[in-house]
C-alpha atoms as a PDB file:
ATOM      1  CA  MET A   1     -15.400  28.889  19.379  1.00  0.00           C
ATOM      2  CA  THR A   2     -14.820  32.306  20.994  1.00  0.00           C
ATOM      3  CA  GLU A   3     -13.922  35.578  19.539  1.00  0.00           C
ATOM      4  CA  LYS A   4     -10.360  35.026  20.671  1.00  0.00           C
ATOM      5  CA  ASP A   5     -10.037  31.655  18.966  1.00  0.00           C
ATOM      6  CA  LEU A   6      -7.589  31.945  16.031  1.00  0.00           C
ATOM      7  CA  THR A   7      -9.322  29.251  14.075  1.00  0.00           C
ATOM      8  CA  ASP A   8     -12.802  30.709  14.333  1.00  0.00           C
ATOM      9  CA  HIS A   9     -14.578  31.712  11.218  1.00  0.00           C
ATOM     10  CA  LYS A  10     -14.893  35.496  11.500  1.00  0.00           C
ATOM     11  CA  PHE A  11     -17.612  35.965   8.937  1.00  0.00           C
ATOM     12  CA  TYR A  12     -21.086  34.442   9.042  1.00  0.00           C
ATOM     13  CA  HIS A  13     -21.515  31.488   6.794  1.00  0.00           C
ATOM     14  CA  ALA A  14     -23.808  31.901   3.770  1.00  0.00           C
ATOM     15  CA  GLY A  15     -26.462  29.676   5.354  1.00  0.00           C
ATOM     16  CA  GLU A  16     -26.607  31.869   8.402  1.00  0.00           C
ATOM     17  CA  GLU A  17     -26.813  35.048   6.408  1.00  0.00           C
ATOM     18  CA  SER A  18     -29.711  33.516   4.483  1.00  0.00           C
ATOM     19  CA  ARG A  19     -31.474  32.694   7.691  1.00  0.00           C
ATOM     20  CA  PHE A  20     -30.993  36.264   9.020  1.00  0.00           C
ATOM     21  CA  THR A  21     -32.815  37.459   5.793  1.00  0.00           C
ATOM     22  CA  GLU A  22     -35.658  35.030   6.129  1.00  0.00           C
ATOM     23  CA  GLU A  23     -36.112  35.819   9.815  1.00  0.00           C
ATOM     24  CA  ALA A  24     -36.030  39.615   9.433  1.00  0.00           C
ATOM     25  CA  PRO A  25     -39.104  41.018  11.164  1.00  0.00           C
ATOM     26  CA  ASP A  26     -39.891  43.882   8.762  1.00  0.00           C
ATOM     27  CA  LYS A  27     -41.652  43.070   5.497  1.00  0.00           C
ATOM     28  CA  THR A  28     -41.715  45.993   3.091  1.00  0.00           C
ATOM     29  CA  PRO A  29     -42.116  46.418  -0.641  1.00  0.00           C
ATOM     30  CA  GLN A  30     -38.416  46.644  -0.854  1.00  0.00           C
ATOM     31  CA  THR A  31     -37.545  43.423   1.052  1.00  0.00           C
ATOM     32  CA  GLU A  32     -40.392  41.515  -0.605  1.00  0.00           C
ATOM     33  CA  HIS A  33     -39.168  42.353  -4.149  1.00  0.00           C
ATOM     34  CA  PRO A  34     -37.139  39.653  -6.015  1.00  0.00           C
ATOM     35  CA  ALA A  35     -34.406  42.224  -6.529  1.00  0.00           C
ATOM     36  CA  TYR A  36     -33.597  42.148  -2.801  1.00  0.00           C
ATOM     37  CA  LYS A  37     -33.088  38.402  -2.667  1.00  0.00           C
ATOM     38  CA  LEU A  38     -29.607  37.081  -2.032  1.00  0.00           C
ATOM     39  CA  ALA A  39     -28.261  36.184  -5.455  1.00  0.00           C
ATOM     40  CA  PHE A  40     -27.509  32.548  -4.387  1.00  0.00           C
ATOM     41  CA  ARG A  41     -31.051  32.196  -3.152  1.00  0.00           C
ATOM     42  CA  ASP A  42     -32.786  33.640  -6.137  1.00  0.00           C
ATOM     43  CA  HIS A  43     -33.847  30.720  -8.212  1.00  0.00           C
ATOM     44  CA  ASP A  44     -35.237  32.776 -11.130  1.00  0.00           C
ATOM     45  CA  PHE A  45     -31.892  34.681 -11.348  1.00  0.00           C
ATOM     46  CA  LEU A  46     -29.819  31.526 -11.340  1.00  0.00           C
ATOM     47  CA  LEU A  47     -31.909  30.102 -14.232  1.00  0.00           C
ATOM     48  CA  ARG A  48     -31.337  33.118 -16.540  1.00  0.00           C
ATOM     49  CA  ASP A  49     -29.543  32.393 -19.823  1.00  0.00           C
ATOM     50  CA  GLU A  50     -26.676  34.756 -18.711  1.00  0.00           C
ATOM     51  CA  LEU A  51     -26.073  32.492 -15.807  1.00  0.00           C
ATOM     52  CA  ARG A  52     -25.352  29.323 -17.900  1.00  0.00           C
ATOM     53  CA  PRO A  53     -21.543  29.501 -17.332  1.00  0.00           C
ATOM     54  CA  VAL A  54     -22.204  29.603 -13.544  1.00  0.00           C
ATOM     55  CA  ARG A  55     -24.568  26.539 -13.840  1.00  0.00           C
ATOM     56  CA  PHE A  56     -21.889  24.768 -15.806  1.00  0.00           C
ATOM     57  CA  GLN A  57     -19.394  25.380 -13.068  1.00  0.00           C
ATOM     58  CA  LEU A  58     -21.784  24.271 -10.319  1.00  0.00           C
ATOM     59  CA  GLU A  59     -22.538  21.149 -12.264  1.00  0.00           C
ATOM     60  CA  LEU A  60     -18.875  20.352 -12.599  1.00  0.00           C
ATOM     61  CA  LEU A  61     -18.079  21.202  -8.971  1.00  0.00           C
ATOM     62  CA  LYS A  62     -20.878  19.502  -6.983  1.00  0.00           C
ATOM     63  CA  PRO A  63     -20.263  15.861  -8.215  1.00  0.00           C
ATOM     64  CA  GLU A  64     -16.507  16.394  -7.892  1.00  0.00           C
ATOM     65  CA  MET A  65     -16.819  17.432  -4.306  1.00  0.00           C
ATOM     66  CA  LEU A  66     -19.257  14.636  -3.390  1.00  0.00           C
ATOM     67  CA  LEU A  67     -17.016  11.993  -5.019  1.00  0.00           C
ATOM     68  CA  ASP A  68     -13.962  13.405  -3.229  1.00  0.00           C
ATOM     69  CA  GLU A  69     -15.798  13.320   0.093  1.00  0.00           C
ATOM     70  CA  ALA A  70     -16.885   9.721  -0.592  1.00  0.00           C
ATOM     71  CA  ARG A  71     -13.187   8.748  -1.138  1.00  0.00           C
ATOM     72  CA  VAL A  72     -13.771   7.617  -4.722  1.00  0.00           C
ATOM     73  CA  GLY A  73     -10.416   7.295  -6.371  1.00  0.00           C
ATOM     74  CA  SER A  74     -11.284   5.748  -9.607  1.00  0.00           C
ATOM     75  CA  THR A  75     -14.341   4.308 -11.350  1.00  0.00           C
ATOM     76  CA  MET A  76     -15.383   1.375 -13.545  1.00  0.00           C
ATOM     77  CA  VAL A  77     -17.741   2.824 -15.969  1.00  0.00           C
ATOM     78  CA  MET A  78     -20.505   0.801 -17.622  1.00  0.00           C
ATOM     79  CA  TYR A  79     -22.286   2.029 -20.764  1.00  0.00           C
ATOM     80  CA  GLY A  80     -25.170   0.223 -22.443  1.00  0.00           C
ATOM     81  CA  SER A  81     -28.795   0.034 -23.447  1.00  0.00           C
ATOM     82  CA  ALA A  82     -31.710   1.112 -21.354  1.00  0.00           C
ATOM     83  CA  ARG A  83     -33.916  -1.512 -23.148  1.00  0.00           C
ATOM     84  CA  ILE A  84     -32.225  -4.891 -22.794  1.00  0.00           C
ATOM     85  CA  PRO A  85     -34.235  -7.040 -20.448  1.00  0.00           C
ATOM     86  CA  SER A  86     -32.869  -9.136 -17.625  1.00  0.00           C
ATOM     87  CA  SER A  87     -33.083 -12.895 -18.012  1.00  0.00           C
ATOM     88  CA  GLU A  88     -36.151 -12.917 -15.796  1.00  0.00           C
ATOM     89  CA  GLN A  89     -37.872 -10.338 -18.101  1.00  0.00           C
ATOM     90  CA  ALA A  90     -36.792 -11.718 -21.500  1.00  0.00           C
ATOM     91  CA  GLN A  91     -39.629 -14.187 -22.073  1.00  0.00           C
ATOM     92  CA  ALA A  92     -42.197 -11.539 -20.896  1.00  0.00           C
ATOM     93  CA  LYS A  93     -40.871  -9.139 -23.595  1.00  0.00           C
ATOM     94  CA  ILE A  94     -41.437 -11.762 -26.254  1.00  0.00           C
ATOM     95  CA  ASP A  95     -44.925 -12.569 -24.963  1.00  0.00           C
ATOM     96  CA  ALA A  96     -45.889  -8.916 -24.915  1.00  0.00           C
ATOM     97  CA  ALA A  97     -45.023  -8.660 -28.537  1.00  0.00           C
ATOM     98  CA  LYS A  98     -46.774 -11.798 -29.828  1.00  0.00           C
ATOM     99  CA  ASP A  99     -49.902  -9.872 -30.980  1.00  0.00           C
ATOM    100  CA  GLY A 100     -47.783  -7.118 -32.626  1.00  0.00           C
ATOM    101  CA  THR A 101     -46.339  -6.763 -36.025  1.00  0.00           C
ATOM    102  CA  GLU A 102     -43.671  -9.056 -37.451  1.00  0.00           C
ATOM    103  CA  PHE A 103     -41.134  -6.236 -36.957  1.00  0.00           C
ATOM    104  CA  GLU A 104     -42.132  -5.849 -33.303  1.00  0.00           C
ATOM    105  CA  GLN A 105     -41.793  -9.510 -32.667  1.00  0.00           C
ATOM    106  CA  LYS A 106     -38.482  -9.513 -34.319  1.00  0.00           C
ATOM    107  CA  VAL A 107     -37.235  -6.750 -32.219  1.00  0.00           C
ATOM    108  CA  ALA A 108     -38.565  -8.318 -28.993  1.00  0.00           C
ATOM    109  CA  GLY A 109     -36.744 -11.543 -29.794  1.00  0.00           C
ATOM    110  CA  ARG A 110     -33.470  -9.722 -30.516  1.00  0.00           C
ATOM    111  CA  LEU A 111     -33.717  -7.786 -27.288  1.00  0.00           C
ATOM    112  CA  ALA A 112     -34.514 -10.991 -25.298  1.00  0.00           C
ATOM    113  CA  GLU A 113     -31.379 -12.604 -26.874  1.00  0.00           C
ATOM    114  CA  LYS A 114     -29.250  -9.823 -25.405  1.00  0.00           C
ATOM    115  CA  ALA A 115     -30.432 -10.620 -21.858  1.00  0.00           C
ATOM    116  CA  LYS A 116     -27.090 -12.396 -21.515  1.00  0.00           C
ATOM    117  CA  TYR A 117     -25.431  -8.968 -21.440  1.00  0.00           C
ATOM    118  CA  TYR A 118     -27.552  -7.865 -18.485  1.00  0.00           C
ATOM    119  CA  ASP A 119     -26.214 -10.958 -16.674  1.00  0.00           C
ATOM    120  CA  GLU A 120     -22.605 -10.268 -17.643  1.00  0.00           C
ATOM    121  CA  ALA A 121     -22.916  -6.559 -16.636  1.00  0.00           C
ATOM    122  CA  TYR A 122     -24.183  -7.810 -13.286  1.00  0.00           C
ATOM    123  CA  LYS A 123     -21.368 -10.259 -12.900  1.00  0.00           C
ATOM    124  CA  LEU A 124     -18.660  -7.833 -13.874  1.00  0.00           C
ATOM    125  CA  ALA A 125     -19.964  -5.209 -11.344  1.00  0.00           C
ATOM    126  CA  ARG A 126     -20.240  -7.802  -8.670  1.00  0.00           C
ATOM    127  CA  LEU A 127     -16.833  -9.308  -9.320  1.00  0.00           C
ATOM    128  CA  ILE A 128     -15.088  -5.925  -9.230  1.00  0.00           C
ATOM    129  CA  THR A 129     -16.901  -4.678  -6.183  1.00  0.00           C
ATOM    130  CA  GLU A 130     -16.053  -7.849  -4.221  1.00  0.00           C
ATOM    131  CA  LYS A 131     -12.405  -7.191  -4.859  1.00  0.00           C
ATOM    132  CA  ALA A 132     -12.819  -3.897  -2.881  1.00  0.00           C
ATOM    133  CA  ILE A 133      -9.517  -2.462  -4.176  1.00  0.00           C
ATOM    134  CA  ILE A 134      -8.159   0.426  -2.008  1.00  0.00           C
ATOM    135  CA  GLU A 135      -5.245   2.556  -2.982  1.00  0.00           C
ATOM    136  CA  ASP A 136      -3.952   5.695  -1.299  1.00  0.00           C
ATOM    137  CA  GLY A 137      -6.895   5.398   1.106  1.00  0.00           C
ATOM    138  CA  LYS A 138      -9.399   5.786  -1.665  1.00  0.00           C
ATOM    139  CA  ARG A 139     -11.737   3.261  -3.327  1.00  0.00           C
ATOM    140  CA  GLN A 140     -10.745   2.139  -6.831  1.00  0.00           C
ATOM    141  CA  PHE A 141     -12.969   0.888  -9.641  1.00  0.00           C
ATOM    142  CA  VAL A 142     -16.197   2.097  -8.080  1.00  0.00           C
ATOM    143  CA  ILE A 143     -19.041   0.963 -10.455  1.00  0.00           C
ATOM    144  CA  THR A 144     -20.492   3.863 -12.267  1.00  0.00           C
ATOM    145  CA  THR A 145     -23.506   3.861 -14.652  1.00  0.00           C
ATOM    146  CA  GLY A 146     -26.013   6.221 -16.105  1.00  0.00           C
ATOM    147  CA  GLY A 147     -28.282   5.338 -13.223  1.00  0.00           C
ATOM    148  CA  GLY A 148     -31.178   4.096 -15.396  1.00  0.00           C
ATOM    149  CA  PRO A 149     -32.674   0.691 -16.160  1.00  0.00           C
ATOM    150  CA  SER A 150     -31.357  -2.341 -18.043  1.00  0.00           C
ATOM    151  CA  ILE A 151     -27.591  -2.557 -18.336  1.00  0.00           C
ATOM    152  CA  MET A 152     -27.215   0.368 -16.026  1.00  0.00           C
ATOM    153  CA  GLU A 153     -29.444  -1.334 -13.409  1.00  0.00           C
ATOM    154  CA  ALA A 154     -27.403  -4.561 -13.778  1.00  0.00           C
ATOM    155  CA  GLY A 155     -24.181  -2.720 -12.900  1.00  0.00           C
ATOM    156  CA  ASN A 156     -25.609  -1.048  -9.830  1.00  0.00           C
ATOM    157  CA  ARG A 157     -27.399  -4.161  -8.832  1.00  0.00           C
ATOM    158  CA  GLY A 158     -24.240  -6.199  -9.091  1.00  0.00           C
ATOM    159  CA  ALA A 159     -22.416  -3.744  -6.840  1.00  0.00           C
ATOM    160  CA  SER A 160     -25.254  -3.652  -4.392  1.00  0.00           C
ATOM    161  CA  ASP A 161     -25.497  -7.415  -4.109  1.00  0.00           C
ATOM    162  CA  ALA A 162     -21.754  -7.608  -3.431  1.00  0.00           C
ATOM    163  CA  GLY A 163     -22.298  -5.368  -0.401  1.00  0.00           C
ATOM    164  CA  GLY A 164     -20.646  -2.296  -2.127  1.00  0.00           C
ATOM    165  CA  GLU A 165     -21.630   1.118  -3.171  1.00  0.00           C
ATOM    166  CA  SER A 166     -22.057   2.439  -6.744  1.00  0.00           C
ATOM    167  CA  ILE A 167     -22.551   5.665  -8.600  1.00  0.00           C
ATOM    168  CA  GLY A 168     -25.465   6.649 -10.815  1.00  0.00           C
ATOM    169  CA  LEU A 169     -25.158   9.639 -13.122  1.00  0.00           C
ATOM    170  CA  ASN A 170     -28.641  10.465 -14.167  1.00  0.00           C
ATOM    171  CA  ILE A 171     -29.811  13.124 -16.628  1.00  0.00           C
ATOM    172  CA  VAL A 172     -32.903  15.198 -16.672  1.00  0.00           C
ATOM    173  CA  LEU A 173     -35.071  14.309 -19.718  1.00  0.00           C
ATOM    174  CA  PRO A 174     -38.411  15.511 -21.017  1.00  0.00           C
ATOM    175  CA  HIS A 175     -39.989  12.125 -20.228  1.00  0.00           C
ATOM    176  CA  GLU A 176     -39.870  10.521 -16.749  1.00  0.00           C
ATOM    177  CA  GLN A 177     -36.393   9.138 -15.868  1.00  0.00           C
ATOM    178  CA  ALA A 178     -35.453   8.155 -12.334  1.00  0.00           C
ATOM    179  CA  PRO A 179     -32.475   6.340 -10.701  1.00  0.00           C
ATOM    180  CA  ASN A 180     -32.756   2.581 -10.454  1.00  0.00           C
ATOM    181  CA  PRO A 181     -33.216   1.312  -6.859  1.00  0.00           C
ATOM    182  CA  TYR A 182     -29.632  -0.109  -6.566  1.00  0.00           C
ATOM    183  CA  VAL A 183     -27.763   3.111  -6.916  1.00  0.00           C
ATOM    184  CA  THR A 184     -26.192   4.263  -3.612  1.00  0.00           C
ATOM    185  CA  PRO A 185     -28.405   7.191  -2.554  1.00  0.00           C
ATOM    186  CA  TYR A 186     -25.652   9.621  -1.596  1.00  0.00           C
ATOM    187  CA  LEU A 187     -23.867   8.721  -4.836  1.00  0.00           C
ATOM    188  CA  SER A 188     -26.990   9.275  -6.967  1.00  0.00           C
ATOM    189  CA  LEU A 189     -26.240  12.388  -8.968  1.00  0.00           C
ATOM    190  CA  ASN A 190     -28.476  14.283 -11.423  1.00  0.00           C
ATOM    191  CA  PHE A 191     -27.349  16.399 -14.442  1.00  0.00           C
ATOM    192  CA  HIS A 192     -28.955  19.025 -16.653  1.00  0.00           C
ATOM    193  CA  TYR A 193     -26.042  19.193 -19.144  1.00  0.00           C
ATOM    194  CA  PHE A 194     -25.088  16.176 -21.167  1.00  0.00           C
ATOM    195  CA  ALA A 195     -21.602  17.629 -21.580  1.00  0.00           C
ATOM    196  CA  LEU A 196     -20.852  17.845 -17.859  1.00  0.00           C
ATOM    197  CA  ARG A 197     -22.372  14.304 -17.258  1.00  0.00           C
ATOM    198  CA  LYS A 198     -20.053  12.780 -19.917  1.00  0.00           C
ATOM    199  CA  MET A 199     -17.143  14.640 -18.476  1.00  0.00           C
ATOM    200  CA  HIS A 200     -17.797  13.109 -15.016  1.00  0.00           C
ATOM    201  CA  PHE A 201     -18.186   9.655 -16.548  1.00  0.00           C
ATOM    202  CA  LEU A 202     -14.607   9.830 -17.608  1.00  0.00           C
ATOM    203  CA  LEU A 203     -12.782  12.059 -15.065  1.00  0.00           C
ATOM    204  CA  ARG A 204     -12.155   9.134 -12.797  1.00  0.00           C
ATOM    205  CA  ALA A 205     -12.609   6.250 -15.210  1.00  0.00           C
ATOM    206  CA  ARG A 206      -9.838   3.626 -15.156  1.00  0.00           C
ATOM    207  CA  ALA A 207     -11.758   1.103 -17.245  1.00  0.00           C
ATOM    208  CA  VAL A 208     -14.984   1.316 -19.375  1.00  0.00           C
ATOM    209  CA  ALA A 209     -17.212  -1.584 -20.358  1.00  0.00           C
ATOM    210  CA  VAL A 210     -19.491  -0.882 -23.314  1.00  0.00           C
ATOM    211  CA  PHE A 211     -22.484  -3.160 -23.894  1.00  0.00           C
ATOM    212  CA  PRO A 212     -24.878  -3.190 -26.817  1.00  0.00           C
ATOM    213  CA  GLY A 213     -26.850   0.067 -26.878  1.00  0.00           C
ATOM    214  CA  GLY A 214     -28.426   2.827 -28.804  1.00  0.00           C
ATOM    215  CA  PHE A 215     -27.552   6.441 -29.698  1.00  0.00           C
ATOM    216  CA  GLY A 216     -26.476   7.350 -26.235  1.00  0.00           C
ATOM    217  CA  THR A 217     -24.145   4.360 -25.958  1.00  0.00           C
ATOM    218  CA  PHE A 218     -22.766   5.073 -29.417  1.00  0.00           C
ATOM    219  CA  ASP A 219     -22.201   8.676 -28.453  1.00  0.00           C
ATOM    220  CA  GLU A 220     -20.269   7.758 -25.242  1.00  0.00           C
ATOM    221  CA  PHE A 221     -18.302   5.049 -26.847  1.00  0.00           C
ATOM    222  CA  PHE A 222     -17.175   7.004 -29.898  1.00  0.00           C
ATOM    223  CA  GLU A 223     -16.441  10.118 -27.886  1.00  0.00           C
ATOM    224  CA  LEU A 224     -14.216   7.945 -25.612  1.00  0.00           C
ATOM    225  CA  LEU A 225     -12.395   6.450 -28.558  1.00  0.00           C
ATOM    226  CA  THR A 226     -11.846   9.948 -29.991  1.00  0.00           C
ATOM    227  CA  LEU A 227     -10.444  11.199 -26.702  1.00  0.00           C
ATOM    228  CA  ILE A 228      -7.870   8.466 -26.558  1.00  0.00           C
ATOM    229  CA  GLN A 229      -7.081   8.417 -30.322  1.00  0.00           C
ATOM    230  CA  THR A 230      -6.334  12.112 -30.342  1.00  0.00           C
ATOM    231  CA  GLY A 231      -4.191  11.932 -27.183  1.00  0.00           C
ATOM    232  CA  LYS A 232      -6.547  14.088 -25.071  1.00  0.00           C
ATOM    233  CA  MET A 233      -7.010  11.255 -22.644  1.00  0.00           C
ATOM    234  CA  LYS A 234      -4.583   8.483 -21.619  1.00  0.00           C
ATOM    235  CA  ALA A 235      -5.537   5.002 -22.678  1.00  0.00           C
ATOM    236  CA  VAL A 236      -7.747   2.862 -20.377  1.00  0.00           C
ATOM    237  CA  PRO A 237      -9.142  -0.556 -20.932  1.00  0.00           C
ATOM    238  CA  ILE A 238     -12.207  -0.293 -23.196  1.00  0.00           C
ATOM    239  CA  LEU A 239     -14.105  -3.609 -23.058  1.00  0.00           C
ATOM    240  CA  LEU A 240     -16.570  -3.961 -25.887  1.00  0.00           C
ATOM    241  CA  PHE A 241     -19.229  -6.584 -25.182  1.00  0.00           C
ATOM    242  CA  GLY A 242     -21.224  -8.241 -27.998  1.00  0.00           C
ATOM    243  CA  LYS A 243     -19.043  -8.631 -31.057  1.00  0.00           C
ATOM    244  CA  ASP A 244     -22.067 -10.048 -33.142  1.00  0.00           C
ATOM    245  CA  PHE A 245     -24.003  -6.858 -32.325  1.00  0.00           C
ATOM    246  CA  TRP A 246     -21.302  -4.327 -32.846  1.00  0.00           C
ATOM    247  CA  THR A 247     -19.911  -5.794 -36.061  1.00  0.00           C
ATOM    248  CA  ARG A 248     -23.443  -5.909 -37.467  1.00  0.00           C
ATOM    249  CA  VAL A 249     -24.237  -2.299 -36.744  1.00  0.00           C
ATOM    250  CA  VAL A 250     -20.733  -0.811 -37.221  1.00  0.00           C
ATOM    251  CA  ASP A 251     -18.235  -1.994 -39.790  1.00  0.00           C
ATOM    252  CA  PHE A 252     -14.998  -1.031 -38.008  1.00  0.00           C
ATOM    253  CA  ASP A 253     -12.793  -2.691 -40.618  1.00  0.00           C
ATOM    254  CA  ALA A 254     -14.385  -0.745 -43.464  1.00  0.00           C
ATOM    255  CA  ILE A 255     -13.785   2.559 -41.600  1.00  0.00           C
ATOM    256  CA  ALA A 256     -10.032   1.667 -41.378  1.00  0.00           C
ATOM    257  CA  GLU A 257     -10.011   0.473 -45.067  1.00  0.00           C
ATOM    258  CA  GLU A 258     -11.560   3.828 -46.088  1.00  0.00           C
ATOM    259  CA  GLY A 259      -8.543   5.421 -44.512  1.00  0.00           C
ATOM    260  CA  THR A 260     -10.444   7.721 -42.172  1.00  0.00           C
ATOM    261  CA  ILE A 261      -8.937   5.971 -39.123  1.00  0.00           C
ATOM    262  CA  SER A 262      -5.733   3.965 -38.799  1.00  0.00           C
ATOM    263  CA  LYS A 263      -5.909   0.108 -38.603  1.00  0.00           C
ATOM    264  CA  LYS A 264      -4.090   0.522 -35.190  1.00  0.00           C
ATOM    265  CA  ASP A 265      -7.019   2.545 -33.863  1.00  0.00           C
ATOM    266  CA  LEU A 266      -8.984  -0.787 -33.782  1.00  0.00           C
ATOM    267  CA  GLU A 267      -6.682  -1.846 -30.956  1.00  0.00           C
ATOM    268  CA  LEU A 268      -8.162   0.827 -28.684  1.00  0.00           C
ATOM    269  CA  PHE A 269     -10.744  -1.554 -27.538  1.00  0.00           C
ATOM    270  CA  ARG A 270     -10.896  -5.193 -26.587  1.00  0.00           C
ATOM    271  CA  TRP A 271     -13.670  -7.659 -27.494  1.00  0.00           C
ATOM    272  CA  CYS A 272     -15.305  -9.333 -24.572  1.00  0.00           C
ATOM    273  CA  GLU A 273     -18.158 -11.735 -23.985  1.00  0.00           C
ATOM    274  CA  THR A 274     -17.886 -12.402 -20.306  1.00  0.00           C
ATOM    275  CA  ALA A 275     -17.176 -10.591 -17.068  1.00  0.00           C
ATOM    276  CA  ASP A 276     -14.107 -12.814 -16.403  1.00  0.00           C
ATOM    277  CA  GLU A 277     -12.644 -11.912 -19.831  1.00  0.00           C
ATOM    278  CA  ALA A 278     -13.070  -8.252 -18.996  1.00  0.00           C
ATOM    279  CA  TRP A 279     -11.524  -8.486 -15.521  1.00  0.00           C
ATOM    280  CA  ASP A 280      -8.535 -10.445 -16.939  1.00  0.00           C
ATOM    281  CA  HIS A 281      -7.829  -7.577 -19.405  1.00  0.00           C
ATOM    282  CA  ILE A 282      -8.174  -4.944 -16.706  1.00  0.00           C
ATOM    283  CA  SER A 283      -5.910  -6.827 -14.269  1.00  0.00           C
ATOM    284  CA  GLU A 284      -3.345  -7.321 -17.080  1.00  0.00           C
ATOM    285  CA  PHE A 285      -3.474  -3.668 -18.082  1.00  0.00           C
ATOM    286  CA  TYR A 286      -2.885  -2.425 -14.540  1.00  0.00           C
ATOM    287  CA  ASP A 287      -0.670  -5.454 -13.427  1.00  0.00           C
ATOM    288  CA  LEU A 288      -3.149  -6.352 -10.702  1.00  0.00           C
ATOM    289  CA  LYS A 289      -3.183  -9.568  -8.813  1.00  0.00           C
ATOM    290  CA  SER A 290      -6.402 -11.318  -9.645  1.00  0.00           C
END
């Protein structure tokens, strides 16, 4: 670029300006004071309570830009427990509880029984990734999980074993939490705000698979139902895996009988037990060739 080039950037980029400040030869009480720092380089300033709206905007914008740059057109979201073992780990979980209380042994056994859902999550992610659907030059149904262990790991692992990429939307928690090793590194995103994370789960979602889970899964599942029920979000296939689990912990029919939801609202989701069932519903919903 030259000064006569019409397409040249006439102002220094922020990175260059920042470097000028760092390389300035004179160090004085004024230049060394935090007040002199460029606002976007002042970590303490950005973390002030008054800057929360700005942090919200940044946390909305950064993932959106990265996913746009990665040509992600739509996603296949997978919700589920962080505690369900894989088939390989199921017996070990039972063995680890054998000296525990009767309740602990019961819980270990129930979790081990749910290992089949780890397998189905893996199969679904692999099946969809292998289809490698491209539309308008963008990748469709890119596998997206919370980036953690168990059901989330199964989804990212299935995509990875199919030779594809997948997204992990992690969240900062007080206890240690790290992305599982199957998340594509440049699509491994981290959030401070649950609200922004949940928003990014659904902005590109064209189908959502919900496996047995705890409070987090309930929260995500019921919020999704609410968004579609109230018309804030257009309908997408919601594939609810594990009818035995869900009907034991939630009496959907009773909610309708109590009159607090409509009977028709129970049609917002579709029961599934296998990856093939889930894909058949997705392909039927979008009129895709299987």
